[in-house]
Amino acid sequence: MHQREFKLFIFDVGGVLCDGTSVTHLISEYLSINQQEFIKLAKLSGLRDLQIGKITTGQFWENFSKLSGKRVEEDLWVKFFKPKLKLETAKLIEHLKMKYRVVAGTNTIEPHYRIHLENGDYRFFDRVYASHQIGHLKPDDDFFQYILEEESISPQEAFFVDDSFENVLVAQKLEICSVLFTNAHDLQSKLSSLKLIDS
């Protein structure tokens, strides 16, 4: 890879900066539904619309209750959502911010966004691009194009970190330098090898 001049780092949040953000297994357990069945019902109930801010969680659970025949009276997305900060990633972001602009690029829903905000998880970023606010969802091309346009940069000037192989693959196709996140130590090694941070 030839040396690029990076201007922007885009970090995913769930699984990269925070653990405990995936709650489908907990919700399906609570409702006594097989996880695959829950995901299928969630998609039919408007999960995508929820993630791009077209419907509220109230509307989602109303749809879900009708489809599943299980009456959901409370917001289960909130009930089980207990994100925990990955301190090593947070330190790495702070290190990068000494030289670069660092933003979050995250698929989320409004109540999860609010909880992250209250926890101070977003304080590490210069800006947060949240799917429910920008109306675009990873791995759609539009999600990445939106951020590039807002930041007035070319794909070659962006560096993307995500724990989803699919998201990384799409970003790479758009010529964004992208890394699949496994842990902060490996990411640090990768950034050091590219001379983006001091080892």
Protein backbone atom coordinates (compact mmCIF):
# COMPACT_ATOMS: atom_id res chain seq x y z
CA MET A 1 0.00 0.00 0.00
CA HIS A 2 1.45 3.36 -0.98
CA GLN A 3 1.60 5.96 1.75
CA ARG A 4 -1.68 7.84 1.95
CA GLU A 5 -2.31 11.17 3.62
CA PHE A 6 -5.11 10.43 6.05
CA LYS A 7 -7.31 13.26 7.29
CA LEU A 8 -10.09 11.32 8.98
CA PHE A 9 -10.50 8.20 11.10
CA ILE A 10 -13.97 6.65 11.28
CA PHE A 11 -14.60 4.28 14.19
CA ASP A 12 -17.52 1.94 14.74
CA VAL A 13 -18.83 2.02 18.35
CA GLY A 14 -20.45 -1.34 19.22
CA GLY A 15 -17.80 -4.05 19.52
CA VAL A 16 -14.98 -1.55 18.90
CA LEU A 17 -15.27 1.18 21.54
CA CYS A 18 -17.95 -0.52 23.67
CA ASP A 19 -18.86 -4.07 24.61
CA GLY A 20 -22.39 -5.13 25.56
CA THR A 21 -24.12 -3.35 22.69
CA SER A 22 -25.63 -6.41 21.03
CA VAL A 23 -28.82 -7.31 22.89
CA THR A 24 -30.78 -9.53 20.47
CA HIS A 25 -29.76 -12.71 22.32
CA LEU A 26 -30.92 -11.25 25.65
CA ILE A 27 -34.23 -10.01 24.23
CA SER A 28 -34.95 -13.31 22.47
CA GLU A 29 -34.16 -15.21 25.69
CA TYR A 30 -36.45 -12.90 27.68
CA LEU A 31 -39.28 -13.42 25.17
CA SER A 32 -38.60 -17.18 24.92
CA ILE A 33 -38.04 -16.92 21.16
CA ASN A 34 -35.20 -18.50 19.20
CA GLN A 35 -32.65 -15.76 18.35
CA GLN A 36 -32.89 -16.32 14.57
CA GLU A 37 -36.68 -16.12 14.84
CA PHE A 38 -36.43 -12.90 16.85
CA ILE A 39 -34.12 -11.31 14.24
CA LYS A 40 -36.51 -12.36 11.47
CA LEU A 41 -39.49 -10.85 13.35
CA ALA A 42 -37.48 -7.71 14.17
CA LYS A 43 -36.71 -7.15 10.48
CA LEU A 44 -40.39 -7.60 9.59
CA SER A 45 -41.33 -5.19 12.41
CA GLY A 46 -39.23 -2.39 10.89
CA LEU A 47 -35.76 -2.78 12.41
CA ARG A 48 -34.16 -1.01 9.46
CA ASP A 49 -36.65 1.89 9.71
CA LEU A 50 -35.87 2.10 13.42
CA GLN A 51 -32.13 2.27 12.71
CA ILE A 52 -32.54 5.05 10.14
CA GLY A 53 -34.91 7.08 12.33
CA LYS A 54 -38.11 6.50 10.34
CA ILE A 55 -40.04 4.91 13.21
CA THR A 56 -39.84 5.08 17.01
CA THR A 57 -39.14 2.16 19.35
CA GLY A 58 -42.82 2.41 20.42
CA GLN A 59 -43.93 1.83 16.82
CA PHE A 60 -41.42 -0.99 16.44
CA TRP A 61 -42.66 -2.88 19.50
CA GLU A 62 -46.27 -2.33 18.45
CA ASN A 63 -45.48 -3.95 15.08
CA PHE A 64 -43.53 -6.69 16.81
CA SER A 65 -46.36 -7.46 19.26
CA LYS A 66 -48.83 -7.85 16.39
CA LEU A 67 -46.51 -10.09 14.37
CA SER A 68 -45.25 -12.29 17.20
CA GLY A 69 -48.42 -12.50 19.24
CA LYS A 70 -46.35 -11.51 22.30
CA ARG A 71 -47.41 -8.28 23.93
CA VAL A 72 -44.32 -6.16 24.62
CA GLU A 73 -45.16 -3.38 27.09
CA GLU A 74 -41.68 -1.90 27.68
CA ASP A 75 -38.75 -0.93 25.50
CA LEU A 76 -36.64 -4.08 25.57
CA TRP A 77 -33.93 -2.37 23.49
CA VAL A 78 -33.32 -0.19 26.55
CA LYS A 79 -33.94 -2.82 29.25
CA PHE A 80 -30.96 -4.93 28.18
CA PHE A 81 -28.64 -2.26 26.76
CA LYS A 82 -25.67 -1.87 29.11
CA PRO A 83 -22.63 -0.77 27.09
CA LYS A 84 -19.19 -0.99 28.70
CA LEU A 85 -16.31 1.15 27.49
CA LYS A 86 -13.25 -0.65 26.09
CA LEU A 87 -10.55 1.47 27.70
CA GLU A 88 -7.73 0.31 25.37
CA THR A 89 -9.69 1.47 22.31
CA ALA A 90 -10.55 4.77 24.01
CA LYS A 91 -6.83 5.38 24.70
CA LEU A 92 -5.99 4.60 21.08
CA ILE A 93 -8.60 7.09 19.83
CA GLU A 94 -7.22 9.76 22.18
CA HIS A 95 -3.74 9.03 20.82
CA LEU A 96 -4.96 9.41 17.22
CA LYS A 97 -6.79 12.64 18.04
CA MET A 98 -3.50 14.34 18.79
CA LYS A 99 -2.82 14.27 15.03
CA TYR A 100 -6.10 13.49 13.27
CA ARG A 101 -9.82 14.14 13.24
CA VAL A 102 -11.66 11.09 14.59
CA VAL A 103 -15.40 10.50 14.19
CA ALA A 104 -17.84 7.71 15.02
CA GLY A 105 -19.75 5.95 12.23
CA THR A 106 -22.39 3.87 13.96
CA ASN A 107 -25.56 1.92 13.28
CA THR A 108 -27.75 2.70 16.26
CA ILE A 109 -31.23 3.61 17.46
CA GLU A 110 -32.33 6.72 19.32
CA PRO A 111 -32.53 5.27 22.88
CA HIS A 112 -29.14 3.54 22.51
CA TYR A 113 -27.65 6.79 21.23
CA ARG A 114 -29.05 8.58 24.28
CA ILE A 115 -27.57 5.98 26.68
CA HIS A 116 -24.13 6.27 25.01
CA LEU A 117 -24.42 10.03 25.30
CA GLU A 118 -25.32 9.86 29.01
CA ASN A 119 -22.43 7.44 29.62
CA GLY A 120 -20.00 9.81 27.90
CA ASP A 121 -19.01 7.16 25.34
CA TYR A 122 -19.11 9.69 22.50
CA ARG A 123 -16.78 12.18 24.21
CA PHE A 124 -13.81 10.61 22.41
CA PHE A 125 -15.05 11.71 18.99
CA ASP A 126 -14.97 15.00 17.11
CA ARG A 127 -18.38 14.14 15.69
CA VAL A 128 -20.83 11.22 15.77
CA TYR A 129 -22.50 9.98 12.58
CA ALA A 130 -25.39 7.90 13.89
CA SER A 131 -27.59 5.97 11.44
CA HIS A 132 -30.88 7.08 13.01
CA GLN A 133 -29.85 10.74 12.57
CA ILE A 134 -28.27 10.63 9.11
CA GLY A 135 -30.85 8.24 7.60
CA HIS A 136 -28.24 5.80 6.27
CA LEU A 137 -27.12 2.41 7.51
CA LYS A 138 -23.90 0.42 7.21
CA PRO A 139 -23.04 -1.44 5.03
CA ASP A 140 -24.84 0.75 2.44
CA ASP A 141 -22.53 2.85 0.28
CA ASP A 142 -24.63 5.91 1.14
CA PHE A 143 -23.58 5.69 4.79
CA PHE A 144 -19.92 6.17 3.88
CA GLN A 145 -20.60 8.69 1.11
CA TYR A 146 -22.58 10.82 3.56
CA ILE A 147 -19.64 11.02 5.98
CA LEU A 148 -17.12 11.73 3.20
CA GLU A 149 -19.29 14.57 1.87
CA GLU A 150 -19.89 16.05 5.32
CA GLU A 151 -16.17 15.95 6.05
CA SER A 152 -15.23 17.20 2.54
CA ILE A 153 -12.68 14.47 1.97
CA SER A 154 -11.95 11.80 -0.63
CA PRO A 155 -12.24 8.08 0.19
CA GLN A 156 -8.43 7.83 0.01
CA GLU A 157 -8.14 10.30 2.91
CA ALA A 158 -10.30 8.22 5.26
CA PHE A 159 -9.41 5.30 7.52
CA PHE A 160 -12.23 3.06 8.76
CA VAL A 161 -12.29 0.65 11.73
CA ASP A 162 -15.19 -1.80 12.28
CA ASP A 163 -15.73 -5.26 13.77
CA SER A 164 -18.06 -6.29 10.92
CA PHE A 165 -16.35 -7.95 7.95
CA GLU A 166 -19.21 -6.90 5.67
CA ASN A 167 -18.88 -3.22 6.64
CA VAL A 168 -15.11 -3.31 6.14
CA LEU A 169 -15.51 -4.96 2.73
CA VAL A 170 -17.95 -2.29 1.47
CA ALA A 171 -15.70 0.53 2.69
CA GLN A 172 -12.71 -1.08 0.95
CA LYS A 173 -14.66 -1.26 -2.30
CA LEU A 174 -15.18 2.49 -1.98
CA GLU A 175 -11.38 2.82 -1.67
CA ILE A 176 -11.49 3.71 2.03
CA CYS A 177 -8.55 2.15 3.88
CA SER A 178 -10.36 -0.23 6.23
CA VAL A 179 -9.37 -2.53 9.06
CA LEU A 180 -11.36 -5.32 10.68
CA PHE A 181 -11.24 -4.76 14.44
CA THR A 182 -10.40 -7.76 16.62
CA ASN A 183 -8.81 -6.02 19.61
CA ALA A 184 -7.10 -2.73 20.47
CA HIS A 185 -3.61 -4.29 20.61
CA ASP A 186 -3.80 -5.60 17.03
CA LEU A 187 -5.22 -2.30 15.82
CA GLN A 188 -2.40 -0.43 17.52
CA SER A 189 0.16 -2.69 15.81
CA LYS A 190 -1.51 -2.09 12.44
CA LEU A 191 -1.53 1.71 12.94
CA SER A 192 2.12 1.63 14.07
CA SER A 193 3.15 -0.43 11.02
CA LEU A 194 1.51 2.18 8.80
CA LYS A 195 3.36 4.87 10.78
CA LEU A 196 0.08 6.53 11.76
CA ILE A 197 0.93 6.46 15.44
CA ASP A 198 4.16 5.97 17.37
CA SER A 199 4.67 2.41 18.55
